[in-house]
Amino acid sequence: MGASMKKILLLTALSGSLLSGCYSTQINMSMGNMRLITSSASPQDVMDFASKTCKSDFYEGASLLSKAGKEYRFKCV
């Protein structure tokens, strides 16, 4: 493997970890203004993610309804 190929792989790995923050966060359900998010990130990071998600759907933010393990239920407000 050449040096340029190693640089490309390193950049790809770095950008991937920066985007995910080394945690997996995903929306499992989006129905109306409800969001079910599964994440291994810190609760504050999940709240920030939910707020950004709701704002991108033209809401003002997110309100946490419940947390069970790695599942968070939010209501967009």
Protein backbone atom coordinates (compact mmCIF):
# COMPACT_ATOMS: atom_id res chain seq x y z
CA MET A 1 0.00 0.00 0.00
CA GLY A 2 1.44 3.37 -1.01
CA ALA A 3 1.74 6.38 1.26
CA SER A 4 -1.07 8.18 -0.55
CA MET A 5 -3.43 5.25 0.00
CA LYS A 6 -2.61 5.24 3.73
CA LYS A 7 -3.38 8.97 3.92
CA ILE A 8 -6.76 8.45 2.24
CA LEU A 9 -7.66 5.64 4.63
CA LEU A 10 -6.55 7.71 7.63
CA LEU A 11 -8.58 10.72 6.50
CA THR A 12 -11.63 8.51 5.92
CA ALA A 13 -11.29 6.96 9.37
CA LEU A 14 -10.85 10.36 11.02
CA SER A 15 -13.80 12.00 9.30
CA GLY A 16 -16.02 9.01 10.12
CA SER A 17 -15.16 9.13 13.81
CA LEU A 18 -15.60 12.91 13.95
CA LEU A 19 -19.06 12.67 12.44
CA SER A 20 -20.27 9.93 14.78
CA GLY A 21 -18.32 11.09 17.82
CA CYS A 22 -17.37 7.42 18.36
CA TYR A 23 -20.96 6.71 19.42
CA SER A 24 -23.84 5.22 17.52
CA THR A 25 -26.92 7.42 17.48
CA GLN A 26 -29.86 6.70 15.22
CA ILE A 27 -33.51 7.56 14.92
CA ASN A 28 -35.55 4.36 15.16
CA MET A 29 -38.95 5.95 14.75
CA SER A 30 -40.23 9.28 13.56
CA MET A 31 -44.00 9.64 13.70
CA GLY A 32 -45.60 13.06 13.79
CA ASN A 33 -43.69 15.01 16.42
CA MET A 34 -42.44 11.89 18.26
CA ARG A 35 -38.87 10.59 17.90
CA LEU A 36 -37.46 7.33 19.23
CA ILE A 37 -33.66 7.56 19.31
CA THR A 38 -31.26 4.76 20.23
CA SER A 39 -27.83 5.94 21.31
CA SER A 40 -24.79 4.99 23.36
CA ALA A 41 -23.74 8.65 23.64
CA SER A 42 -24.11 10.78 26.75
CA PRO A 43 -27.65 12.02 27.54
CA GLN A 44 -26.61 15.62 26.75
CA ASP A 45 -25.30 14.58 23.33
CA VAL A 46 -28.54 12.73 22.63
CA MET A 47 -30.55 15.79 23.69
CA ASP A 48 -28.47 17.98 21.34
CA PHE A 49 -28.99 15.48 18.52
CA ALA A 50 -32.75 15.38 19.14
CA SER A 51 -32.95 19.19 19.23
CA LYS A 52 -31.09 19.47 15.91
CA THR A 53 -33.31 16.79 14.39
CA CYS A 54 -36.50 18.53 15.51
CA LYS A 55 -35.22 21.94 14.36
CA SER A 56 -34.49 20.48 10.92
CA ASP A 57 -38.18 19.47 10.84
CA PHE A 58 -39.24 23.09 11.62
CA TYR A 59 -39.89 22.63 15.36
CA GLU A 60 -38.31 24.81 18.05
CA GLY A 61 -36.60 21.96 19.88
CA ALA A 62 -37.07 18.63 21.64
CA SER A 63 -38.52 17.59 24.97
CA LEU A 64 -37.41 14.32 26.60
CA LEU A 65 -40.34 12.07 27.43
CA SER A 66 -38.59 8.95 28.70
CA LYS A 67 -35.36 6.99 28.74
CA ALA A 68 -35.04 3.21 28.91
CA GLY A 69 -31.51 1.88 28.58
CA LYS A 70 -30.17 3.26 25.30
CA GLU A 71 -33.61 4.28 24.02
CA TYR A 72 -34.77 7.87 24.36
CA ARG A 73 -38.27 9.11 23.50
CA PHE A 74 -38.55 12.74 22.50
CA LYS A 75 -41.39 15.02 21.53
CA CYS A 76 -40.61 17.81 19.11
CA VAL A 77 -42.04 21.10 20.37
